[in-house]
Amino acid sequence: MTDALGGATQTMGGSYSSGGSSQKSASGGSLTTGGATTSGVGGVASIGGTPSTGGSKQAASGGTATGGKPSTGGSQSATGGVVAVITGGNASTGGDASSGGSKPATGGATTGSSSSTGGSKPTGGAATGGSKATGGAVATGGMAGTGGSSAQLGCTSSDATYKLVWSDEFSGAAGAAVDSSKWTYDVGGNGWGNNELEYYTTGNANAAMDGNGNLAITAKSQSMNGMNYTSARLKTLGVASWTYGRIEARIKIPKGQGLWPAFWLLGTDINSNPWPACGEIDVFENIGKEPNIIHGSIHGPGYSGASGPTAQTSLSAPVGDAFHVFAIEWEQTTIRWYVDGTLYSTKTQSSIPAGATWVYSHPFFILLNVAVGGGWPGNPDSTTTFPQQMLVDYVRVCQH
């Protein structure tokens, strides 16, 4: 999301947005269409509709942007553009990878003892010899490996040189708040620069463990401090940040008009170097009126809002029907976007305007949130039901 695109951010005790909304254009983006990349310009509208104008996340302090998040030149065609499902195996027999935060096991069913208590991991148990994956990178698609413990989990990259450096597996008891050594909160209901309708809370009111190995971020139809909805926005600012690596999360998003879930990053210097100069990387965003579409973007000085290099891809079924692994692989001059192990976008220094500065060579922090309403997604309507949850199975950071 952004304070740049789709949402603003705010530091502990102070806002780093100043009411400036921004926007994101689908122009210049590409998507994976049956494995081939096609231009985002002049395409046929994707399933679920093209992005509407009207907003994005919120600009950080000092940074304003104009307009909405139009899909300049047309969005891409979903024809044949089904994102490939994770390779490497199906969920274990009886285990539904989309329910309760279960994790598919490599190569299909596995044998052995069941996974940790309370989790709905694949029936038949975790992979032989232990839970989840061994060591560094896991087989493509994030399947569970053999012989490992949860402390040895890796990222779902085919590049085995990636090693886990940070993670949260959200294995706490039902109702427990997030680990304060890993997460802090953005709090408030100022519209976040996008005329959003939610009030972000702290503690476990809108963000808590579900007892099945997931973090549940819950958007509720609930009045608080002048806003009509409540939700949560978590961040690692002040407790953890990274420069380069593979950053991924396995998430099942909510569904419904006016909902806006996101997994994204902002530069840690946002308070001294306001957005967009601090930089922003949107690992994924979805808006409810585009149920099959995923957006991934970057924003920086001179290329934020509608000028921010962006791409989108369309799945064959609504994104919220199942868990998906959303990831970036971030290097000094290149950022790549993946869904379920399938690459759908690559941005480099050549993707930004001539003379603009590539601002992705310093530490960034992670954000997770569910916004309600705003200029880009539009507001909830009579078809939207509450409460709505974004389930996060894990967040992992791997580096070489």
Protein backbone atom coordinates (compact mmCIF):
# COMPACT_ATOMS: atom_id res chain seq x y z
CA MET A 1 0.00 0.00 0.00
CA THR A 2 1.38 3.29 -0.06
CA ASP A 3 1.47 6.14 1.67
CA ALA A 4 2.50 6.20 -1.63
CA LEU A 5 0.14 3.84 -3.06
CA GLY A 6 -2.86 2.61 -1.40
CA GLY A 7 -2.13 3.82 2.04
CA ALA A 8 -0.07 6.05 4.09
CA THR A 9 2.06 5.10 6.91
CA GLN A 10 2.50 6.48 10.31
CA THR A 11 5.23 6.11 12.86
CA MET A 12 4.76 5.19 16.46
CA GLY A 13 3.30 8.23 18.08
CA GLY A 14 3.18 10.30 14.95
CA SER A 15 1.81 10.30 11.44
CA TYR A 16 4.13 10.15 8.53
CA SER A 17 1.37 11.06 6.22
CA SER A 18 0.14 14.52 5.59
CA GLY A 19 -3.10 13.90 3.86
CA GLY A 20 -1.54 13.58 0.46
CA SER A 21 -2.97 10.72 -1.50
CA SER A 22 -1.18 9.06 -4.31
CA GLN A 23 -2.06 6.85 -7.16
CA LYS A 24 -0.69 4.03 -9.13
CA SER A 25 -1.00 3.39 -12.82
CA ALA A 26 -1.12 0.01 -14.41
CA SER A 27 0.55 1.58 -17.45
CA GLY A 28 3.91 0.15 -18.18
CA GLY A 29 3.23 -2.92 -16.11
CA SER A 30 3.23 -6.41 -17.36
CA LEU A 31 1.57 -9.58 -16.30
CA THR A 32 2.10 -13.21 -16.80
CA THR A 33 -0.34 -14.52 -19.39
CA GLY A 34 -0.10 -18.21 -19.53
CA GLY A 35 3.57 -17.85 -18.82
CA ALA A 36 4.26 -15.16 -21.39
CA THR A 37 4.63 -11.56 -20.42
CA THR A 38 2.43 -9.11 -22.23
CA SER A 39 2.41 -5.37 -22.19
CA GLY A 40 0.14 -3.63 -19.79
CA VAL A 41 -0.65 -0.99 -22.40
CA GLY A 42 -3.66 -1.32 -24.63
CA GLY A 43 -4.80 -4.58 -23.19
CA VAL A 44 -8.23 -5.93 -22.55
CA ALA A 45 -9.60 -5.35 -19.13
CA SER A 46 -8.69 -8.04 -16.65
CA ILE A 47 -11.29 -10.18 -14.94
CA GLY A 48 -12.76 -8.24 -12.12
CA GLY A 49 -12.46 -4.89 -13.83
CA THR A 50 -9.80 -2.31 -14.36
CA PRO A 51 -8.56 -0.25 -11.47
CA SER A 52 -10.80 2.73 -10.96
CA THR A 53 -9.56 6.22 -10.44
CA GLY A 54 -9.59 7.78 -7.06
CA GLY A 55 -6.69 6.92 -4.89
CA SER A 56 -4.11 4.69 -3.47
CA LYS A 57 -2.40 4.49 -0.18
CA GLN A 58 -1.52 7.70 1.47
CA ALA A 59 1.43 9.97 0.88
CA ALA A 60 3.87 10.30 3.72
CA SER A 61 4.55 13.61 5.34
CA GLY A 62 5.77 16.15 2.89
CA GLY A 63 4.73 14.09 -0.07
CA THR A 64 1.48 14.56 -1.90
CA ALA A 65 0.26 13.02 -5.05
CA THR A 66 -2.69 13.72 -7.25
CA GLY A 67 -5.47 11.82 -8.86
CA GLY A 68 -6.26 8.25 -8.50
CA LYS A 69 -4.88 4.95 -9.57
CA PRO A 70 -6.00 4.75 -13.19
CA SER A 71 -5.08 1.89 -15.41
CA THR A 72 -3.44 4.04 -18.09
CA GLY A 73 -3.62 2.52 -21.51
CA GLY A 74 -5.84 -0.30 -20.41
CA SER A 75 -5.23 -3.17 -18.13
CA GLN A 76 -4.03 -6.52 -19.22
CA SER A 77 -6.06 -9.37 -20.55
CA ALA A 78 -6.80 -12.24 -18.30
CA THR A 79 -7.18 -14.48 -21.34
CA GLY A 80 -4.99 -17.41 -20.77
CA GLY A 81 -3.38 -15.53 -18.00
CA VAL A 82 -3.87 -17.97 -15.20
CA VAL A 83 -1.03 -17.74 -12.79
CA ALA A 84 0.62 -21.06 -12.48
CA VAL A 85 -0.13 -22.82 -9.24
CA ILE A 86 2.82 -23.60 -7.04
CA THR A 87 4.99 -26.33 -8.43
CA GLY A 88 6.46 -29.07 -6.40
CA GLY A 89 3.41 -30.87 -5.09
CA ASN A 90 -0.13 -30.64 -3.95
CA ALA A 91 -1.42 -30.34 -0.47
CA SER A 92 -1.27 -33.56 1.50
CA THR A 93 -4.20 -35.89 1.30
CA GLY A 94 -7.13 -34.38 3.05
CA GLY A 95 -5.32 -31.11 3.65
CA ASP A 96 -6.83 -28.05 2.05
CA ALA A 97 -4.10 -25.49 1.54
CA SER A 98 -6.67 -22.73 1.65
CA SER A 99 -8.28 -23.60 4.93
CA GLY A 100 -7.06 -22.73 8.36
CA GLY A 101 -3.62 -21.77 7.17
CA SER A 102 -2.55 -25.23 6.15
CA LYS A 103 0.75 -25.58 4.35
CA PRO A 104 0.98 -27.90 1.37
CA ALA A 105 3.56 -30.63 1.62
CA THR A 106 6.23 -31.21 -1.00
CA GLY A 107 5.24 -33.64 -3.68
CA GLY A 108 1.84 -34.34 -2.26
CA ALA A 109 0.91 -36.47 0.72
CA THR A 110 3.57 -37.15 3.27
CA THR A 111 3.86 -39.52 6.14
CA GLY A 112 4.58 -39.19 9.77
CA SER A 113 3.16 -37.47 12.76
CA SER A 114 0.72 -34.63 12.54
CA SER A 115 1.84 -31.04 12.54
CA SER A 116 1.68 -28.74 15.49
CA THR A 117 -1.41 -28.76 17.66
CA GLY A 118 -4.10 -26.37 16.56
CA GLY A 119 -2.89 -26.02 12.98
CA SER A 120 -4.89 -27.30 10.09
CA LYS A 121 -1.78 -28.50 8.32
CA PRO A 122 -2.28 -31.24 5.78
CA THR A 123 -4.05 -34.31 7.09
CA GLY A 124 -1.58 -37.11 7.42
CA GLY A 125 0.92 -34.94 9.14
CA ALA A 126 3.83 -32.72 8.54
CA ALA A 127 6.60 -33.84 6.26
CA THR A 128 8.49 -36.89 7.47
CA GLY A 129 10.73 -36.20 10.41
CA GLY A 130 9.38 -32.84 11.44
CA SER A 131 7.48 -29.77 10.48
CA LYS A 132 7.93 -27.56 7.48
CA ALA A 133 11.15 -27.05 5.59
CA THR A 134 14.79 -27.72 6.18
CA GLY A 135 17.40 -25.03 6.21
CA GLY A 136 17.48 -22.27 3.63
CA ALA A 137 15.31 -22.04 0.57
CA VAL A 138 12.42 -24.43 0.21
CA ALA A 139 11.36 -26.07 -3.01
CA THR A 140 9.57 -23.71 -5.37
CA GLY A 141 6.11 -22.92 -4.11
CA GLY A 142 6.90 -23.17 -0.45
CA MET A 143 6.14 -26.80 0.14
CA ALA A 144 7.11 -28.29 3.43
CA GLY A 145 10.39 -30.15 3.46
CA THR A 146 11.72 -33.01 5.55
CA GLY A 147 13.55 -33.25 8.80
CA GLY A 148 13.26 -29.64 9.80
CA SER A 149 11.69 -27.71 12.63
CA SER A 150 9.78 -24.46 12.30
CA ALA A 151 12.92 -22.62 13.34
CA GLN A 152 14.61 -23.92 10.18
CA LEU A 153 12.02 -22.72 7.70
CA GLY A 154 13.13 -21.06 4.52
CA CYS A 155 11.68 -18.98 1.75
CA THR A 156 9.86 -20.52 -1.21
CA SER A 157 12.50 -19.78 -3.81
CA SER A 158 14.15 -22.15 -6.24
CA ASP A 159 17.40 -20.37 -5.34
CA ALA A 160 18.85 -22.51 -2.57
CA THR A 161 21.35 -19.80 -1.63
CA TYR A 162 18.61 -17.87 0.17
CA LYS A 163 18.77 -18.43 3.93
CA LEU A 164 16.13 -17.43 6.45
CA VAL A 165 17.10 -14.37 8.51
CA TRP A 166 13.73 -13.40 10.03
CA SER A 167 10.21 -14.81 10.21
CA ASP A 168 6.96 -14.85 12.07
CA GLU A 169 4.96 -18.08 11.82
CA PHE A 170 2.05 -16.77 13.93
CA SER A 171 1.78 -19.95 15.98
CA GLY A 172 0.44 -18.34 19.14
CA ALA A 173 -2.70 -19.23 21.05
CA ALA A 174 -6.05 -18.08 19.70
CA GLY A 175 -6.69 -14.45 20.61
CA ALA A 176 -3.07 -13.61 21.36
CA ALA A 177 -1.70 -10.33 20.01
CA VAL A 178 1.31 -10.22 17.71
CA ASP A 179 4.84 -10.50 19.08
CA SER A 180 5.85 -6.99 20.19
CA SER A 181 9.49 -7.81 19.50
CA LYS A 182 8.57 -8.15 15.81
CA TRP A 183 5.64 -5.80 15.18
CA THR A 184 4.36 -2.37 16.08
CA TYR A 185 1.14 -0.62 15.06
CA ASP A 186 -0.08 2.30 13.03
CA VAL A 187 -3.03 3.77 14.91
CA GLY A 188 -5.77 6.17 13.92
CA GLY A 189 -8.55 7.05 11.55
CA ASN A 190 -7.44 10.10 9.60
CA GLY A 191 -8.42 8.71 6.20
CA TRP A 192 -4.78 7.97 5.43
CA GLY A 193 -4.81 10.35 2.50
CA ASN A 194 -7.30 8.25 0.57
CA ASN A 195 -10.60 8.97 2.31
CA GLU A 196 -10.45 5.54 3.93
CA LEU A 197 -13.13 4.69 6.46
CA GLU A 198 -11.30 2.52 9.00
CA TYR A 199 -9.78 3.27 12.38
CA TYR A 200 -6.61 1.24 13.01
CA THR A 201 -6.33 -0.21 16.51
CA THR A 202 -3.61 -1.76 18.66
CA GLY A 203 -3.43 -5.00 20.61
CA ASN A 204 -5.64 -7.94 19.71
CA ALA A 205 -8.82 -5.99 18.94
CA ASN A 206 -8.34 -6.34 15.17
CA ALA A 207 -5.13 -8.37 14.85
CA ALA A 208 -4.76 -11.66 16.72
CA MET A 209 -3.69 -15.26 16.34
CA ASP A 210 -6.50 -17.55 15.17
CA GLY A 211 -5.08 -20.61 16.93
CA ASN A 212 -4.58 -22.41 13.59
CA GLY A 213 -1.16 -20.98 12.80
CA ASN A 214 -2.37 -17.74 11.25
CA LEU A 215 -2.52 -14.06 12.09
CA ALA A 216 -6.04 -12.76 11.46
CA ILE A 217 -6.32 -9.06 10.62
CA THR A 218 -10.04 -8.36 10.95
CA ALA A 219 -11.96 -5.47 9.45
CA LYS A 220 -15.18 -4.84 11.39
CA SER A 221 -18.25 -2.70 10.85
CA GLN A 222 -17.74 -0.88 14.13
CA SER A 223 -17.79 2.82 14.99
CA MET A 224 -14.69 4.20 16.66
CA ASN A 225 -13.50 7.77 17.07
CA GLY A 226 -15.69 9.06 14.26
CA MET A 227 -14.94 6.24 11.80
CA ASN A 228 -17.43 3.55 10.79
CA TYR A 229 -15.02 0.60 10.58
CA THR A 230 -12.05 -0.75 12.52
CA SER A 231 -9.06 -2.70 11.26
CA ALA A 232 -5.32 -3.09 11.92
CA ARG A 233 -2.10 -2.04 10.29
CA LEU A 234 1.08 -3.74 11.49
CA LYS A 235 4.65 -2.74 10.73
CA THR A 236 8.20 -3.69 11.66
CA LEU A 237 9.44 -0.09 11.81
CA GLY A 238 11.68 0.34 14.83
CA VAL A 239 12.11 -3.38 15.43
CA ALA A 240 13.31 -4.91 12.14
CA SER A 241 14.35 -3.76 8.68
CA TRP A 242 16.27 -5.17 5.74
CA THR A 243 18.23 -4.20 2.64
CA TYR A 244 17.76 -6.72 -0.20
CA GLY A 245 16.55 -10.30 -0.04
CA ARG A 246 13.46 -12.37 -0.70
CA ILE A 247 10.50 -11.11 1.30
CA GLU A 248 7.35 -13.21 1.20
CA ALA A 249 4.11 -13.98 2.98
CA ARG A 250 1.49 -16.69 2.60
CA ILE A 251 -1.87 -14.95 2.80
CA LYS A 252 -5.57 -15.53 2.25
CA ILE A 253 -7.15 -12.16 1.55
CA PRO A 254 -10.66 -10.96 2.42
CA LYS A 255 -13.29 -10.50 -0.28
CA GLY A 256 -15.83 -7.77 -0.86
CA GLN A 257 -16.43 -4.36 -2.36
CA GLY A 258 -14.46 -1.65 -0.59
CA LEU A 259 -11.83 -3.93 0.98
CA TRP A 260 -8.16 -3.21 0.31
CA PRO A 261 -5.61 -5.70 1.74
CA ALA A 262 -1.90 -5.11 1.22
CA PHE A 263 1.60 -6.43 2.02
CA TRP A 264 4.23 -3.76 1.38
CA LEU A 265 7.45 -2.02 2.42
CA LEU A 266 8.61 1.55 3.10
CA GLY A 267 12.06 3.05 3.58
CA THR A 268 13.02 3.33 7.24
CA ASP A 269 14.09 6.95 6.68
CA ILE A 270 10.50 8.01 6.03
CA ASN A 271 10.45 10.50 8.92
CA SER A 272 13.59 12.33 7.85
CA ASN A 273 13.16 11.70 4.12
CA PRO A 274 9.40 11.82 3.52
CA TRP A 275 7.58 9.74 0.96
CA PRO A 276 8.15 9.26 -1.91
CA ALA A 277 11.85 10.00 -1.41
CA CYS A 278 12.11 7.17 1.14
CA GLY A 279 10.82 4.68 -1.44
CA GLU A 280 8.01 2.17 -1.38
CA ILE A 281 7.66 -1.40 -2.62
CA ASP A 282 4.18 -2.92 -2.85
CA VAL A 283 4.60 -6.69 -2.71
CA PHE A 284 0.89 -7.09 -3.38
CA GLU A 285 -2.36 -5.15 -3.26
CA ASN A 286 -5.90 -6.16 -4.12
CA ILE A 287 -9.15 -4.24 -4.19
CA GLY A 288 -12.44 -6.04 -3.71
CA LYS A 289 -13.99 -4.93 -6.98
CA GLU A 290 -11.14 -6.69 -8.83
CA PRO A 291 -11.41 -10.12 -7.20
CA ASN A 292 -8.98 -11.89 -9.54
CA ILE A 293 -6.28 -9.21 -9.85
CA ILE A 294 -3.03 -8.65 -7.93
CA HIS A 295 -1.00 -5.44 -8.21
CA GLY A 296 2.73 -4.96 -7.51
CA SER A 297 4.46 -1.56 -7.72
CA ILE A 298 7.31 0.72 -6.69
CA HIS A 299 7.20 4.43 -5.85
CA GLY A 300 10.01 6.90 -5.54
CA PRO A 301 10.88 10.55 -6.16
CA GLY A 302 9.69 11.57 -9.60
CA TYR A 303 7.83 8.30 -10.22
CA SER A 304 5.19 7.99 -7.54
CA GLY A 305 1.45 7.84 -7.87
CA ALA A 306 0.35 7.31 -11.47
CA SER A 307 3.99 7.40 -12.56
CA GLY A 308 5.06 4.57 -10.28
CA PRO A 309 6.23 1.54 -12.26
CA THR A 310 3.59 -1.11 -11.71
CA ALA A 311 2.26 -4.41 -12.98
CA GLN A 312 -0.71 -6.62 -12.39
CA THR A 313 -1.56 -10.24 -12.94
CA SER A 314 -4.86 -12.09 -13.01
CA LEU A 315 -5.65 -15.44 -11.43
CA SER A 316 -8.19 -17.88 -12.81
CA ALA A 317 -10.20 -17.75 -9.57
CA PRO A 318 -10.77 -14.98 -7.03
CA VAL A 319 -7.61 -14.30 -5.07
CA GLY A 320 -9.51 -14.64 -1.80
CA ASP A 321 -10.58 -18.22 -2.53
CA ALA A 322 -7.28 -19.68 -1.31
CA PHE A 323 -3.96 -18.95 0.33
CA HIS A 324 -1.28 -17.57 -2.02
CA VAL A 325 2.41 -16.86 -1.58
CA PHE A 326 3.21 -13.24 -2.46
CA ALA A 327 6.92 -12.42 -2.77
CA ILE A 328 9.56 -10.07 -4.05
CA GLU A 329 13.21 -10.77 -4.72
CA TRP A 330 14.99 -7.49 -4.19
CA GLU A 331 18.53 -6.83 -5.35
CA GLN A 332 20.58 -3.65 -5.65
CA THR A 333 19.28 -2.67 -9.09
CA THR A 334 16.41 -5.13 -9.65
CA ILE A 335 13.12 -6.10 -7.97
CA ARG A 336 11.08 -9.13 -9.10
CA TRP A 337 7.47 -9.96 -8.15
CA TYR A 338 6.07 -13.47 -7.70
CA VAL A 339 2.73 -15.11 -6.97
CA ASP A 340 2.86 -18.78 -5.96
CA GLY A 341 6.37 -19.08 -7.37
CA THR A 342 5.47 -17.55 -10.76
CA LEU A 343 7.38 -14.43 -11.81
CA TYR A 344 5.06 -11.76 -13.24
CA SER A 345 7.01 -8.50 -13.05
CA THR A 346 10.59 -7.23 -13.03
CA LYS A 347 11.58 -3.62 -12.42
CA THR A 348 15.09 -2.17 -12.77
CA GLN A 349 16.70 1.24 -12.87
CA SER A 350 15.69 1.42 -16.53
CA SER A 351 12.01 1.21 -15.42
CA ILE A 352 12.08 4.65 -13.81
CA PRO A 353 12.20 7.99 -15.65
CA ALA A 354 15.52 9.25 -16.95
CA GLY A 355 17.24 11.32 -14.30
CA ALA A 356 15.13 9.90 -11.46
CA THR A 357 16.77 8.28 -8.44
CA TRP A 358 16.51 4.56 -7.69
CA VAL A 359 15.84 4.63 -3.93
CA TYR A 360 15.96 0.91 -3.11
CA SER A 361 19.51 0.57 -1.77
CA HIS A 362 18.83 1.18 1.92
CA PRO A 363 16.78 -0.48 4.70
CA PHE A 364 13.01 -0.96 4.39
CA PHE A 365 10.41 -2.18 6.86
CA ILE A 366 7.34 -4.39 6.29
CA LEU A 367 3.66 -3.48 6.61
CA LEU A 368 0.50 -5.61 6.63
CA ASN A 369 -2.97 -4.07 6.66
CA VAL A 370 -6.57 -4.19 5.51
CA ALA A 371 -7.99 -0.80 4.56
CA VAL A 372 -11.72 -0.19 4.16
CA GLY A 373 -12.99 2.21 1.52
CA GLY A 374 -11.17 5.05 -0.17
CA GLY A 375 -10.74 6.59 -3.58
CA TRP A 376 -9.24 3.58 -5.32
CA PRO A 377 -11.29 0.63 -4.02
CA GLY A 378 -14.45 2.64 -3.43
CA ASN A 379 -16.51 2.20 -0.29
CA PRO A 380 -18.33 -0.90 0.97
CA ASP A 381 -21.85 -1.35 -0.36
CA SER A 382 -24.85 -3.57 0.32
CA THR A 383 -22.97 -6.59 -1.03
CA THR A 384 -20.09 -6.27 1.47
CA THR A 385 -20.30 -8.38 4.58
CA PHE A 386 -18.42 -7.89 7.86
CA PRO A 387 -16.35 -8.95 9.65
CA GLN A 388 -13.73 -9.72 7.00
CA GLN A 389 -10.35 -11.30 7.72
CA MET A 390 -6.96 -11.39 6.08
CA LEU A 391 -5.25 -14.57 7.26
CA VAL A 392 -1.44 -14.50 7.27
CA ASP A 393 0.17 -17.92 7.59
CA TYR A 394 3.68 -16.52 7.80
CA VAL A 395 6.00 -13.67 6.85
CA ARG A 396 9.61 -14.61 6.01
CA VAL A 397 12.75 -12.77 4.99
CA CYS A 398 15.63 -14.62 3.36
CA GLN A 399 18.98 -13.28 2.21
CA HIS A 400 22.05 -14.66 0.48
